[in-house]
Amino acid sequence: MQTLARNGLNRRAKLARWGILGFTSAPLLGAYAYNKGYHIPLLVCPFRSLTGIPCPTCGMTRSFMAVARGDLVQALSYHLFGPALFLVLLAAALHITCEIASNRRIETFYSQGLLNHRLQLLFIASFLGYYSLRLQGLLNSGELATSPLLSSFRQFLLILLPS
């Protein structure tokens, strides 16, 4: 069930919603653009580029692209949280668009859930647990030991500190 607030959004609330809309829609529009063959220059993971170690969100762009194409199995193989996060961002973008269009705050069943600290902690713990399992898999395969040797940071150090 949803309810509309009686008062309209003030200027600060409108600006905040436009910022949230940009934040939530950018990954969705990026996945669409990448699927159409457009590439954003210099869009690389700075953490992996510097260290050679994948960050917790590595694979998320490819997962979003697969979701946008309708390939859920492929999306899950790239990142387990990709499809769920894609849907959350899509719902948030639609929700914020409706709030901007109606000039009113809209209360829904999921609004309170997103503010629940226990659910937030559960999500963070699950996300970091999944990341730990991914790193463990890379460690077992030997890739985690060799990828830092190819990192930009190591290359930079070799230039600064020649043997």
Protein backbone atom coordinates (compact mmCIF):
# COMPACT_ATOMS: atom_id res chain seq x y z
CA MET A 1 0.00 0.00 0.00
CA GLN A 2 1.21 3.49 -0.69
CA THR A 3 0.25 6.88 0.68
CA LEU A 4 0.97 10.36 -0.56
CA ALA A 5 2.17 13.02 1.85
CA ARG A 6 -0.17 16.02 2.19
CA ASN A 7 2.49 18.69 1.71
CA GLY A 8 4.47 19.15 -1.48
CA LEU A 9 8.21 18.62 -1.62
CA ASN A 10 10.31 21.63 -0.64
CA ARG A 11 13.26 22.78 -2.75
CA ARG A 12 15.82 20.80 -0.75
CA ALA A 13 13.75 17.60 -0.97
CA LYS A 14 13.37 18.04 -4.74
CA LEU A 15 17.11 18.51 -5.21
CA ALA A 16 17.80 15.44 -3.07
CA ARG A 17 15.42 13.38 -5.18
CA TRP A 18 17.03 14.53 -8.41
CA GLY A 19 20.41 13.47 -6.98
CA ILE A 20 19.02 10.09 -5.93
CA LEU A 21 17.43 9.66 -9.36
CA GLY A 22 20.79 10.31 -11.01
CA PHE A 23 22.54 7.91 -8.64
CA THR A 24 19.99 5.11 -9.13
CA SER A 25 19.48 5.48 -12.87
CA ALA A 26 23.14 5.89 -13.92
CA PRO A 27 24.03 2.18 -13.58
CA LEU A 28 20.81 1.16 -15.34
CA LEU A 29 21.40 3.54 -18.23
CA GLY A 30 25.07 2.50 -18.33
CA ALA A 31 24.10 -1.18 -18.67
CA TYR A 32 21.72 -0.29 -21.48
CA ALA A 33 24.36 1.82 -23.25
CA TYR A 34 27.05 -0.87 -22.90
CA ASN A 35 24.66 -3.45 -24.36
CA LYS A 36 24.13 -1.15 -27.34
CA GLY A 37 27.89 -1.00 -27.95
CA TYR A 38 28.65 2.35 -26.34
CA HIS A 39 31.66 2.40 -24.05
CA ILE A 40 32.46 4.97 -21.44
CA PRO A 41 36.20 5.76 -21.55
CA LEU A 42 38.24 5.29 -18.40
CA LEU A 43 35.46 3.32 -16.71
CA VAL A 44 37.58 0.75 -14.91
CA CYS A 45 37.69 -0.42 -11.33
CA PRO A 46 40.35 1.74 -9.65
CA PHE A 47 40.81 -0.79 -6.83
CA ARG A 48 41.51 -3.70 -9.17
CA SER A 49 43.58 -1.53 -11.48
CA LEU A 50 45.84 -0.45 -8.62
CA THR A 51 46.04 -3.65 -6.59
CA GLY A 52 45.18 -6.42 -9.03
CA ILE A 53 42.64 -7.70 -6.49
CA PRO A 54 38.95 -7.60 -7.44
CA CYS A 55 36.78 -5.26 -5.41
CA PRO A 56 33.49 -6.37 -3.83
CA THR A 57 31.54 -5.07 -6.82
CA CYS A 58 33.72 -6.55 -9.57
CA GLY A 59 31.43 -8.19 -12.09
CA MET A 60 28.50 -5.94 -11.23
CA THR A 61 28.59 -4.04 -14.56
CA ARG A 62 28.60 -7.28 -16.54
CA SER A 63 25.84 -8.61 -14.29
CA PHE A 64 23.71 -5.48 -14.89
CA MET A 65 24.30 -5.82 -18.64
CA ALA A 66 23.13 -9.44 -18.53
CA VAL A 67 20.02 -8.47 -16.55
CA ALA A 68 19.25 -5.73 -19.08
CA ARG A 69 19.49 -8.37 -21.84
CA GLY A 70 17.21 -10.69 -19.83
CA ASP A 71 19.93 -13.29 -19.18
CA LEU A 72 19.46 -13.98 -15.47
CA VAL A 73 21.71 -17.07 -15.33
CA GLN A 74 24.63 -15.16 -16.86
CA ALA A 75 23.94 -12.21 -14.54
CA LEU A 76 24.13 -14.44 -11.48
CA SER A 77 27.38 -15.97 -12.72
CA TYR A 78 28.98 -12.52 -12.95
CA HIS A 79 27.81 -11.36 -9.52
CA LEU A 80 25.30 -13.00 -7.21
CA PHE A 81 23.95 -9.66 -5.99
CA GLY A 82 23.73 -8.10 -9.47
CA PRO A 83 20.14 -8.99 -10.40
CA ALA A 84 18.78 -8.05 -6.95
CA LEU A 85 20.64 -4.74 -6.93
CA PHE A 86 19.49 -4.03 -10.48
CA LEU A 87 15.87 -4.49 -9.40
CA VAL A 88 16.35 -2.36 -6.29
CA LEU A 89 17.87 0.46 -8.36
CA LEU A 90 15.09 0.17 -10.93
CA ALA A 91 12.40 0.29 -8.23
CA ALA A 92 14.12 3.25 -6.56
CA ALA A 93 14.41 5.14 -9.85
CA LEU A 94 10.72 4.56 -10.62
CA HIS A 95 9.71 5.51 -7.07
CA ILE A 96 11.74 8.73 -7.11
CA THR A 97 10.42 9.59 -10.59
CA CYS A 98 6.86 9.25 -9.26
CA GLU A 99 7.71 11.46 -6.27
CA ILE A 100 9.21 14.13 -8.52
CA ALA A 101 6.25 13.98 -10.91
CA SER A 102 3.66 14.17 -8.12
CA ASN A 103 5.69 16.67 -6.07
CA ARG A 104 4.85 14.55 -3.02
CA ARG A 105 6.63 12.06 -0.80
CA ILE A 106 5.26 8.55 -1.38
CA GLU A 107 5.30 6.09 1.52
CA THR A 108 5.32 2.40 0.55
CA PHE A 109 5.84 -0.90 2.31
CA TYR A 110 9.47 -1.04 1.20
CA SER A 111 10.32 2.51 2.30
CA GLN A 112 10.48 1.51 5.94
CA GLY A 113 12.34 -1.72 5.12
CA LEU A 114 15.15 0.21 3.46
CA LEU A 115 15.62 2.25 6.63
CA ASN A 116 15.68 -0.81 8.91
CA HIS A 117 19.19 -1.03 10.41
CA ARG A 118 18.98 -4.79 10.93
CA LEU A 119 18.17 -5.36 7.28
CA GLN A 120 20.98 -3.01 6.26
CA LEU A 121 23.47 -4.90 8.44
CA LEU A 122 22.21 -8.24 7.12
CA PHE A 123 22.70 -7.05 3.54
CA ILE A 124 26.22 -5.72 4.26
CA ALA A 125 27.20 -8.93 6.07
CA SER A 126 25.84 -11.08 3.22
CA PHE A 127 27.58 -8.93 0.61
CA LEU A 128 30.94 -9.08 2.42
CA GLY A 129 30.49 -12.81 3.07
CA TYR A 130 29.96 -13.37 -0.65
CA TYR A 131 33.03 -11.25 -1.39
CA SER A 132 35.06 -13.35 1.06
CA LEU A 133 33.95 -16.52 -0.69
CA ARG A 134 34.93 -15.06 -4.07
CA LEU A 135 38.37 -14.11 -2.73
CA GLN A 136 38.76 -17.59 -1.23
CA GLY A 137 38.00 -19.09 -4.65
CA LEU A 138 40.61 -16.85 -6.28
CA LEU A 139 43.12 -17.76 -3.57
CA ASN A 140 42.50 -21.48 -4.11
CA SER A 141 42.90 -21.10 -7.88
CA GLY A 142 46.18 -19.19 -7.48
CA GLU A 143 44.84 -16.12 -9.31
CA LEU A 144 44.88 -14.00 -6.16
CA ALA A 145 48.59 -14.63 -5.74
CA THR A 146 49.52 -13.62 -9.30
CA SER A 147 47.13 -10.76 -10.09
CA PRO A 148 48.82 -8.18 -7.81
CA LEU A 149 52.04 -8.81 -9.73
CA LEU A 150 50.36 -7.40 -12.84
CA SER A 151 48.77 -4.40 -11.12
CA SER A 152 49.32 -0.76 -12.09
CA PHE A 153 50.59 0.02 -8.61
CA ARG A 154 53.31 -2.64 -8.88
CA GLN A 155 54.28 -1.32 -12.32
CA PHE A 156 54.46 2.19 -10.86
CA LEU A 157 56.68 0.98 -8.00
CA LEU A 158 58.98 -0.79 -10.45
CA ILE A 159 59.45 2.52 -12.31
CA LEU A 160 60.13 4.45 -9.08
CA LEU A 161 62.28 1.80 -7.44
CA PRO A 162 64.27 0.01 -10.12
CA SER A 163 66.15 -3.06 -8.92
